[in-house]
C-alpha cells in the first residue's frame, strides 16, 4: 500500500500518519521505523510534514491501518 499524508507523530521508532486522501474519511496509518537511514531522517522532521510511504498491510480496522516492511518514498 502506498499512502501520503502529514506526519502526525514520530517517537520511539513508531510513525503515525494522518491520511485525508480519500473523500469523507480520516484514518491513521502507523508503522515502525527503527533502523537507519529512516530513524535519522524522521527524527529531524516536524509534525505536519507531508510524507509518502509504502509498505505491506499487516492490520486494518475502521480507523487505522498498520503497515510492515515500510520504506519512506518522499519527504
PDB file of N, CA and C in Angstrom:
ATOM      1  N   UNK A   1       0.853  -1.176   0.000  1.00  0.00           N
ATOM      2  CA  UNK A   1       0.000   0.000   0.000  1.00  0.00           C
ATOM      3  C   UNK A   1       0.891   1.227   0.000  1.00  0.00           C
ATOM      4  N   UNK A   2       0.577   2.170  -0.840  1.00  0.00           N
ATOM      5  CA  UNK A   2       1.285   3.446  -0.879  1.00  0.00           C
ATOM      6  C   UNK A   2       0.341   4.505  -0.318  1.00  0.00           C
ATOM      7  N   UNK A   3       0.822   5.306   0.615  1.00  0.00           N
ATOM      8  CA  UNK A   3      -0.029   6.294   1.263  1.00  0.00           C
ATOM      9  C   UNK A   3       0.751   7.583   1.497  1.00  0.00           C
ATOM     10  N   UNK A   4       0.043   8.700   1.388  1.00  0.00           N
ATOM     11  CA  UNK A   4       0.639  10.021   1.617  1.00  0.00           C
ATOM     12  C   UNK A   4      -0.204  10.770   2.634  1.00  0.00           C
ATOM     13  N   UNK A   5       0.447  11.655   3.362  1.00  0.00           N
ATOM     14  CA  UNK A   5      -0.265  12.476   4.325  1.00  0.00           C
ATOM     15  C   UNK A   5       0.706  13.198   5.228  1.00  0.00           C
ATOM     16  N   UNK A   6       0.177  14.024   6.128  1.00  0.00           N
ATOM     17  CA  UNK A   6       1.040  14.754   7.057  1.00  0.00           C
ATOM     18  C   UNK A   6       1.506  13.850   8.200  1.00  0.00           C
ATOM     19  N   UNK A   7       2.753  14.018   8.588  1.00  0.00           N
ATOM     20  CA  UNK A   7       3.303  13.291   9.725  1.00  0.00           C
ATOM     21  C   UNK A   7       2.566  13.715  10.984  1.00  0.00           C
ATOM     22  N   UNK A   8       1.912  12.768  11.642  1.00  0.00           N
ATOM     23  CA  UNK A   8       1.176  13.076  12.865  1.00  0.00           C
ATOM     24  C   UNK A   8       2.082  12.988  14.082  1.00  0.00           C
ATOM     25  N   UNK A   9       2.989  12.001  14.080  1.00  0.00           N
ATOM     26  CA  UNK A   9       3.885  11.825  15.214  1.00  0.00           C
ATOM     27  C   UNK A   9       4.970  10.824  14.844  1.00  0.00           C
ATOM     28  N   UNK A  10       6.129  10.996  15.446  1.00  0.00           N
ATOM     29  CA  UNK A  10       7.196  10.011  15.337  1.00  0.00           C
ATOM     30  C   UNK A  10       7.957  10.004  16.648  1.00  0.00           C
ATOM     31  N   UNK A  11       7.881   8.890  17.354  1.00  0.00           N
ATOM     32  CA  UNK A  11       8.627   8.766  18.595  1.00  0.00           C
ATOM     33  C   UNK A  11       8.867   7.296  18.894  1.00  0.00           C
ATOM     34  N   UNK A  12      10.005   7.001  19.475  1.00  0.00           N
ATOM     35  CA  UNK A  12      10.377   5.632  19.844  1.00  0.00           C
ATOM     36  C   UNK A  12      10.257   4.659  18.682  1.00  0.00           C
ATOM     37  N   UNK A  13      10.541   5.121  17.460  1.00  0.00           N
ATOM     38  CA  UNK A  13      10.500   4.252  16.293  1.00  0.00           C
ATOM     39  C   UNK A  13       9.136   4.079  15.669  1.00  0.00           C
ATOM     40  N   UNK A  14       8.080   4.602  16.310  1.00  0.00           N
ATOM     41  CA  UNK A  14       6.723   4.453  15.792  1.00  0.00           C
ATOM     42  C   UNK A  14       6.318   5.707  15.032  1.00  0.00           C
ATOM     43  N   UNK A  15       5.881   5.519  13.802  1.00  0.00           N
ATOM     44  CA  UNK A  15       5.423   6.626  12.974  1.00  0.00           C
ATOM     45  C   UNK A  15       3.918   6.557  12.852  1.00  0.00           C
ATOM     46  N   UNK A  16       3.250   7.698  13.022  1.00  0.00           N
ATOM     47  CA  UNK A  16       1.815   7.798  12.790  1.00  0.00           C
ATOM     48  C   UNK A  16       1.579   8.864  11.727  1.00  0.00           C
ATOM     49  N   UNK A  17       0.716   8.537  10.805  1.00  0.00           N
ATOM     50  CA  UNK A  17       0.421   9.406   9.676  1.00  0.00           C
ATOM     51  C   UNK A  17      -1.086   9.595   9.622  1.00  0.00           C
ATOM     52  N   UNK A  18      -1.554  10.843   9.545  1.00  0.00           N
ATOM     53  CA  UNK A  18      -2.983  11.108   9.368  1.00  0.00           C
ATOM     54  C   UNK A  18      -3.256  11.230   7.884  1.00  0.00           C
ATOM     55  N   UNK A  19      -4.231  10.514   7.405  1.00  0.00           N
ATOM     56  CA  UNK A  19      -4.489  10.469   5.970  1.00  0.00           C
ATOM     57  C   UNK A  19      -5.876  11.005   5.662  1.00  0.00           C
ATOM     58  N   UNK A  20      -5.924  11.982   4.768  1.00  0.00           N
ATOM     59  CA  UNK A  20      -7.184  12.581   4.330  1.00  0.00           C
ATOM     60  C   UNK A  20      -7.338  12.397   2.824  1.00  0.00           C
ATOM     61  N   UNK A  21      -6.699  11.400   2.273  1.00  0.00           N
ATOM     62  CA  UNK A  21      -6.604  11.220   0.836  1.00  0.00           C
ATOM     63  C   UNK A  21      -7.921  10.765   0.213  1.00  0.00           C
ATOM     64  N   UNK A  22      -8.759  10.099   0.968  1.00  0.00           N
ATOM     65  CA  UNK A  22      -9.972   9.545   0.417  1.00  0.00           C
ATOM     66  C   UNK A  22     -11.162  10.380   0.870  1.00  0.00           C
ATOM     67  N   UNK A  23     -12.136  10.638  -0.011  1.00  0.00           N
ATOM     68  CA  UNK A  23     -13.276  11.516   0.324  1.00  0.00           C
ATOM     69  C   UNK A  23     -14.024  11.052   1.566  1.00  0.00           C
ATOM     70  N   UNK A  24     -14.336  11.996   2.424  1.00  0.00           N
ATOM     71  CA  UNK A  24     -15.151  11.774   3.630  1.00  0.00           C
ATOM     72  C   UNK A  24     -14.546  10.744   4.586  1.00  0.00           C
ATOM     73  N   UNK A  25     -13.237  10.577   4.576  1.00  0.00           N
ATOM     74  CA  UNK A  25     -12.623   9.625   5.508  1.00  0.00           C
ATOM     75  C   UNK A  25     -11.441  10.262   6.209  1.00  0.00           C
ATOM     76  N   UNK A  26     -11.169   9.760   7.352  1.00  0.00           N
ATOM     77  CA  UNK A  26      -9.948  10.083   8.078  1.00  0.00           C
ATOM     78  C   UNK A  26      -9.504   8.792   8.727  1.00  0.00           C
ATOM     79  N   UNK A  27      -8.332   8.334   8.369  1.00  0.00           N
ATOM     80  CA  UNK A  27      -7.813   7.165   9.052  1.00  0.00           C
ATOM     81  C   UNK A  27      -6.353   7.398   9.352  1.00  0.00           C
ATOM     82  N   UNK A  28      -5.836   6.629  10.253  1.00  0.00           N
ATOM     83  CA  UNK A  28      -4.460   6.777  10.671  1.00  0.00           C
ATOM     84  C   UNK A  28      -3.660   5.566  10.223  1.00  0.00           C
ATOM     85  N   UNK A  29      -2.467   5.829   9.760  1.00  0.00           N
ATOM     86  CA  UNK A  29      -1.545   4.780   9.361  1.00  0.00           C
ATOM     87  C   UNK A  29      -0.425   4.783  10.382  1.00  0.00           C
ATOM     88  N   UNK A  30      -0.025   3.609  10.842  1.00  0.00           N
ATOM     89  CA  UNK A  30       1.097   3.558  11.766  1.00  0.00           C
ATOM     90  C   UNK A  30       1.997   2.397  11.411  1.00  0.00           C
ATOM     91  N   UNK A  31       3.264   2.597  11.694  1.00  0.00           N
ATOM     92  CA  UNK A  31       4.271   1.594  11.397  1.00  0.00           C
ATOM     93  C   UNK A  31       5.498   1.840  12.255  1.00  0.00           C
ATOM     94  N   UNK A  32       6.433   0.937  12.224  1.00  0.00           N
ATOM     95  CA  UNK A  32       7.691   1.086  12.950  1.00  0.00           C
ATOM     96  C   UNK A  32       8.826   1.373  11.983  1.00  0.00           C
ATOM     97  N   UNK A  33       9.593   2.377  12.284  1.00  0.00           N
ATOM     98  CA  UNK A  33      10.847   2.657  11.602  1.00  0.00           C
ATOM     99  C   UNK A  33      11.899   2.699  12.688  1.00  0.00           C
ATOM    100  N   UNK A  34      12.677   1.647  12.831  1.00  0.00           N
ATOM    101  CA  UNK A  34      13.655   1.610  13.917  1.00  0.00           C
ATOM    102  C   UNK A  34      15.057   1.285  13.427  1.00  0.00           C
ATOM    103  N   UNK A  35      15.338   1.624  12.164  1.00  0.00           N
ATOM    104  CA  UNK A  35      16.671   1.399  11.608  1.00  0.00           C
ATOM    105  C   UNK A  35      17.066   2.589  10.732  1.00  0.00           C
ATOM    106  N   UNK A  36      18.348   2.854  10.660  1.00  0.00           N
ATOM    107  CA  UNK A  36      18.840   3.899   9.762  1.00  0.00           C
ATOM    108  C   UNK A  36      18.671   3.417   8.331  1.00  0.00           C
ATOM    109  N   UNK A  37      18.481   4.306   7.383  1.00  0.00           N
ATOM    110  CA  UNK A  37      18.527   5.768   7.486  1.00  0.00           C
ATOM    111  C   UNK A  37      17.208   6.401   7.887  1.00  0.00           C
ATOM    112  N   UNK A  38      16.134   5.585   8.025  1.00  0.00           N
ATOM    113  CA  UNK A  38      14.820   6.154   8.295  1.00  0.00           C
ATOM    114  C   UNK A  38      14.761   6.881   9.630  1.00  0.00           C
ATOM    115  N   UNK A  39      15.347   6.304  10.676  1.00  0.00           N
ATOM    116  CA  UNK A  39      15.260   6.918  12.000  1.00  0.00           C
ATOM    117  C   UNK A  39      15.918   8.286  12.022  1.00  0.00           C
ATOM    118  N   UNK A  40      17.041   8.423  11.344  1.00  0.00           N
ATOM    119  CA  UNK A  40      17.733   9.714  11.306  1.00  0.00           C
ATOM    120  C   UNK A  40      16.894  10.760  10.583  1.00  0.00           C
ATOM    121  N   UNK A  41      16.337  10.384   9.459  1.00  0.00           N
ATOM    122  CA  UNK A  41      15.537  11.304   8.662  1.00  0.00           C
ATOM    123  C   UNK A  41      14.252  11.704   9.384  1.00  0.00           C
ATOM    124  N   UNK A  42      13.544  10.729   9.929  1.00  0.00           N
ATOM    125  CA  UNK A  42      12.268  11.008  10.589  1.00  0.00           C
ATOM    126  C   UNK A  42      12.434  11.806  11.868  1.00  0.00           C
ATOM    127  N   UNK A  43      13.516  11.595  12.597  1.00  0.00           N
ATOM    128  CA  UNK A  43      13.712  12.314  13.855  1.00  0.00           C
ATOM    129  C   UNK A  43      13.929  13.803  13.635  1.00  0.00           C
ATOM    130  N   UNK A  44      14.290  14.196  12.427  1.00  0.00           N
ATOM    131  CA  UNK A  44      14.504  15.611  12.117  1.00  0.00           C
ATOM    132  C   UNK A  44      13.272  16.293  11.541  1.00  0.00           C
ATOM    133  N   UNK A  45      12.210  15.541  11.264  1.00  0.00           N
ATOM    134  CA  UNK A  45      11.007  16.105  10.644  1.00  0.00           C
ATOM    135  C   UNK A  45      10.075  16.703  11.689  1.00  0.00           C
ATOM    136  N   UNK A  46       9.347  17.713  11.266  1.00  0.00           N
ATOM    137  CA  UNK A  46       8.342  18.351  12.113  1.00  0.00           C
ATOM    138  C   UNK A  46       6.981  17.706  11.884  1.00  0.00           C
ATOM    139  N   UNK A  47       6.153  17.747  12.897  1.00  0.00           N
ATOM    140  CA  UNK A  47       4.777  17.288  12.751  1.00  0.00           C
ATOM    141  C   UNK A  47       4.107  18.121  11.661  1.00  0.00           C
ATOM    142  N   UNK A  48       3.357  17.448  10.797  1.00  0.00           N
ATOM    143  CA  UNK A  48       2.688  18.121   9.689  1.00  0.00           C
ATOM    144  C   UNK A  48       3.452  18.061   8.378  1.00  0.00           C
ATOM    145  N   UNK A  49       4.694  17.594   8.420  1.00  0.00           N
ATOM    146  CA  UNK A  49       5.478  17.455   7.196  1.00  0.00           C
ATOM    147  C   UNK A  49       4.819  16.424   6.285  1.00  0.00           C
ATOM    148  N   UNK A  50       4.543  16.775   5.014  1.00  0.00           N
ATOM    149  CA  UNK A  50       3.943  15.786   4.116  1.00  0.00           C
ATOM    150  C   UNK A  50       4.959  14.701   3.748  1.00  0.00           C
ATOM    151  N   UNK A  51       4.546  13.439   3.880  1.00  0.00           N
ATOM    152  CA  UNK A  51       5.417  12.329   3.522  1.00  0.00           C
ATOM    153  C   UNK A  51       4.624  11.283   2.739  1.00  0.00           C
ATOM    154  N   UNK A  52       5.347  10.457   2.007  1.00  0.00           N
ATOM    155  CA  UNK A  52       4.767   9.331   1.288  1.00  0.00           C
ATOM    156  C   UNK A  52       5.537   8.090   1.687  1.00  0.00           C
ATOM    157  N   UNK A  53       4.810   7.047   2.049  1.00  0.00           N
ATOM    158  CA  UNK A  53       5.474   5.795   2.390  1.00  0.00           C
ATOM    159  C   UNK A  53       4.740   4.634   1.754  1.00  0.00           C
ATOM    160  N   UNK A  54       5.429   3.506   1.709  1.00  0.00           N
ATOM    161  CA  UNK A  54       4.875   2.309   1.106  1.00  0.00           C
ATOM    162  C   UNK A  54       5.226   1.113   1.967  1.00  0.00           C
ATOM    163  N   UNK A  55       4.257   0.228   2.150  1.00  0.00           N
ATOM    164  CA  UNK A  55       4.508  -0.957   2.953  1.00  0.00           C
ATOM    165  C   UNK A  55       3.433  -1.994   2.754  1.00  0.00           C
ATOM    166  N   UNK A  56       3.618  -3.119   3.403  1.00  0.00           N
ATOM    167  CA  UNK A  56       2.668  -4.216   3.332  1.00  0.00           C
ATOM    168  C   UNK A  56       1.657  -4.072   4.462  1.00  0.00           C
ATOM    169  N   UNK A  57       0.381  -4.276   4.158  1.00  0.00           N
ATOM    170  CA  UNK A  57      -0.670  -4.165   5.169  1.00  0.00           C
ATOM    171  C   UNK A  57      -0.581  -5.351   6.128  1.00  0.00           C
ATOM    172  N   UNK A  58      -0.525  -5.047   7.423  1.00  0.00           N
ATOM    173  CA  UNK A  58      -0.480  -6.079   8.452  1.00  0.00           C
ATOM    174  C   UNK A  58      -1.803  -6.176   9.207  1.00  0.00           C
ATOM    175  N   UNK A  59      -2.498  -5.038   9.360  1.00  0.00           N
ATOM    176  CA  UNK A  59      -3.706  -4.981  10.175  1.00  0.00           C
ATOM    177  C   UNK A  59      -4.555  -3.821   9.692  1.00  0.00           C
ATOM    178  N   UNK A  60      -5.872  -4.021   9.664  1.00  0.00           N
ATOM    179  CA  UNK A  60      -6.799  -2.965   9.261  1.00  0.00           C
ATOM    180  C   UNK A  60      -8.019  -3.010  10.170  1.00  0.00           C
ATOM    181  N   UNK A  61      -8.449  -1.836  10.619  1.00  0.00           N
ATOM    182  CA  UNK A  61      -9.779  -1.722  11.217  1.00  0.00           C
ATOM    183  C   UNK A  61     -10.401  -0.454  10.656  1.00  0.00           C
ATOM    184  N   UNK A  62     -11.516  -0.021  11.154  1.00  0.00           N
ATOM    185  CA  UNK A  62     -12.204   1.109  10.518  1.00  0.00           C
ATOM    186  C   UNK A  62     -11.531   2.458  10.753  1.00  0.00           C
ATOM    187  N   UNK A  63     -10.579   2.530  11.665  1.00  0.00           N
ATOM    188  CA  UNK A  63      -9.911   3.797  11.947  1.00  0.00           C
ATOM    189  C   UNK A  63      -8.410   3.794  11.698  1.00  0.00           C
ATOM    190  N   UNK A  64      -7.821   2.626  11.495  1.00  0.00           N
ATOM    191  CA  UNK A  64      -6.371   2.580  11.383  1.00  0.00           C
ATOM    192  C   UNK A  64      -5.903   1.454  10.469  1.00  0.00           C
ATOM    193  N   UNK A  65      -4.720   1.672   9.920  1.00  0.00           N
ATOM    194  CA  UNK A  65      -4.033   0.677   9.106  1.00  0.00           C
ATOM    195  C   UNK A  65      -2.626   0.554   9.657  1.00  0.00           C
ATOM    196  N   UNK A  66      -2.182  -0.683   9.889  1.00  0.00           N
ATOM    197  CA  UNK A  66      -0.794  -0.900  10.294  1.00  0.00           C
ATOM    198  C   UNK A  66      -0.051  -1.462   9.097  1.00  0.00           C
ATOM    199  N   UNK A  67       1.107  -0.867   8.802  1.00  0.00           N
ATOM    200  CA  UNK A  67       1.943  -1.328   7.710  1.00  0.00           C
ATOM    201  C   UNK A  67       3.228  -1.940   8.260  1.00  0.00           C
ATOM    202  N   UNK A  68       3.726  -2.955   7.559  1.00  0.00           N
ATOM    203  CA  UNK A  68       5.023  -3.544   7.880  1.00  0.00           C
ATOM    204  C   UNK A  68       5.888  -3.505   6.624  1.00  0.00           C
ATOM    205  N   UNK A  69       7.163  -3.735   6.797  1.00  0.00           N
ATOM    206  CA  UNK A  69       8.119  -3.704   5.680  1.00  0.00           C
ATOM    207  C   UNK A  69       8.024  -2.379   4.923  1.00  0.00           C
ATOM    208  N   UNK A  70       8.050  -1.292   5.649  1.00  0.00           N
ATOM    209  CA  UNK A  70       7.846   0.037   5.060  1.00  0.00           C
ATOM    210  C   UNK A  70       9.136   0.679   4.582  1.00  0.00           C
ATOM    211  N   UNK A  71       8.965   1.537   3.610  1.00  0.00           N
ATOM    212  CA  UNK A  71      10.031   2.414   3.188  1.00  0.00           C
ATOM    213  C   UNK A  71       9.453   3.793   2.948  1.00  0.00           C
ATOM    214  N   UNK A  72      10.249   4.783   3.244  1.00  0.00           N
ATOM    215  CA  UNK A  72       9.871   6.174   3.051  1.00  0.00           C
ATOM    216  C   UNK A  72      10.211   6.534   1.615  1.00  0.00           C
ATOM    217  N   UNK A  73       9.191   6.947   0.839  1.00  0.00           N
ATOM    218  CA  UNK A  73       9.391   7.250  -0.574  1.00  0.00           C
ATOM    219  C   UNK A  73       9.694   8.720  -0.824  1.00  0.00           C
ATOM    220  N   UNK A  74       9.030   9.598  -0.058  1.00  0.00           N
ATOM    221  CA  UNK A  74       9.190  11.027  -0.292  1.00  0.00           C
ATOM    222  C   UNK A  74       8.948  11.763   1.021  1.00  0.00           C
ATOM    223  N   UNK A  75       9.778  12.765   1.262  1.00  0.00           N
ATOM    224  CA  UNK A  75       9.610  13.591   2.456  1.00  0.00           C
ATOM    225  C   UNK A  75      10.010  15.009   2.142  1.00  0.00           C
TER     226      UNK A  75
END
